[in-house]
Protein backbone atom coordinates (compact mmCIF):
# COMPACT_ATOMS: atom_id res chain seq x y z
CA MET A 1 -25.10 -46.01 45.19
CA ARG A 2 -22.04 -45.25 42.94
CA GLN A 3 -19.25 -42.58 43.99
CA LYS A 4 -18.80 -39.86 41.65
CA ALA A 5 -15.66 -39.90 39.90
CA CYS A 6 -12.91 -37.59 41.48
CA GLU A 7 -11.82 -34.16 39.74
CA ASP A 8 -8.60 -35.72 38.70
CA LEU A 9 -10.58 -38.63 36.72
CA LEU A 10 -13.07 -36.08 35.35
CA ALA A 11 -10.29 -33.46 34.31
CA LEU A 12 -9.15 -35.98 31.53
CA THR A 13 -9.91 -35.09 28.03
CA ASP A 14 -7.78 -37.33 26.00
CA ILE A 15 -6.22 -40.94 27.01
CA LYS A 16 -2.65 -41.31 26.64
CA PRO A 17 -1.97 -44.98 25.44
CA ALA A 18 1.16 -46.97 26.06
CA GLN A 19 3.94 -45.59 23.65
CA ALA A 20 5.82 -49.10 24.66
CA TYR A 21 4.84 -52.11 26.37
CA VAL A 22 7.65 -52.03 28.77
CA CYS A 23 8.49 -50.51 32.11
CA GLU A 24 11.05 -47.90 31.54
CA GLU A 25 12.52 -48.06 34.92
CA CYS A 26 12.65 -52.01 34.79
CA ILE A 27 14.53 -51.75 31.69
CA LYS A 28 17.03 -49.55 33.15
CA THR A 29 18.05 -52.04 35.93
CA GLY A 30 17.21 -55.34 34.15
CA ASP A 31 14.18 -56.29 36.27
CA SER A 32 10.90 -57.69 35.20
CA TRP A 33 7.32 -56.71 35.85
CA VAL A 34 3.79 -58.09 36.00
CA HIS A 35 1.51 -55.45 34.47
CA LEU A 36 1.90 -52.02 33.12
CA ARG A 37 0.39 -48.75 33.84
CA THR A 38 0.69 -45.53 31.68
CA CYS A 39 0.52 -42.06 33.31
CA GLN A 40 -2.03 -39.73 31.96
CA THR A 41 0.11 -36.50 32.90
CA CYS A 42 3.47 -37.42 31.01
CA GLY A 43 2.66 -40.66 29.14
CA HIS A 44 5.46 -42.76 30.57
CA THR A 45 4.50 -46.53 31.19
CA HIS A 46 5.65 -48.19 34.56
CA CYS A 47 5.09 -51.23 36.31
CA CYS A 48 2.19 -52.05 38.59
CA ASP A 49 1.82 -52.76 42.31
CA SER A 50 1.85 -56.67 41.88
CA SER A 51 5.54 -55.99 40.14
CA PRO A 52 8.70 -56.03 42.69
CA ASN A 53 9.45 -52.50 42.11
CA ARG A 54 6.07 -50.63 41.83
CA HIS A 55 7.28 -48.16 39.63
CA ALA A 56 3.96 -46.64 38.70
CA THR A 57 3.22 -45.76 42.40
CA LYS A 58 6.94 -44.69 42.88
CA HIS A 59 6.32 -42.22 40.00
CA PHE A 60 3.08 -40.77 41.55
CA HIS A 61 4.74 -40.19 44.90
CA GLU A 62 7.78 -38.45 43.10
CA THR A 63 5.73 -36.30 40.52
CA ASN A 64 2.10 -36.15 41.93
CA HIS A 65 0.92 -37.16 38.57
CA PRO A 66 -2.41 -38.85 39.89
CA VAL A 67 -4.04 -40.92 37.19
CA VAL A 68 -2.70 -43.95 35.20
CA ILE A 69 -4.59 -46.38 32.78
CA SER A 70 -3.77 -50.08 32.57
CA ALA A 71 -1.56 -50.55 29.62
CA GLU A 72 -2.58 -54.19 29.38
CA PRO A 73 -4.51 -55.17 25.88
CA GLY A 74 -7.98 -55.26 26.39
CA GLU A 75 -8.20 -53.57 29.76
CA ARG A 76 -9.92 -50.09 29.70
CA TRP A 77 -9.74 -48.52 33.42
CA LEU A 78 -8.10 -45.58 34.96
CA TRP A 79 -6.75 -45.30 38.53
CA CYS A 80 -6.63 -42.10 40.66
CA TYR A 81 -3.84 -42.63 43.34
CA ALA A 82 -4.48 -39.35 44.81
CA HIS A 83 -8.14 -40.17 45.44
CA GLU A 84 -8.09 -43.99 45.26
CA GLN A 85 -10.66 -44.27 42.52
CA ILE A 86 -11.08 -46.53 39.71
CA ALA A 87 -13.06 -45.88 36.53
CA SER A 88 -13.78 -47.37 33.15
CA TYR A 89 -13.33 -45.68 29.82
């Protein structure tokens, strides 16, 4: 049985695509990343948990912005940090 999407995922009315395909925080420190995620609250793009700095997760803990999308070309999924849920769009 499929789990019902959480309120954070259901509250999204528009998807904010990545404006740039770089981790804004890694650029500042000269670091690299593996994959990118775009915050659906503020639109900032950060590196994933497979990246050394895990900036997307750090952004969630600092801001409580719960939902990100994959910024990788061809990937169409959302992740809610608050409820640890994934969904396609």
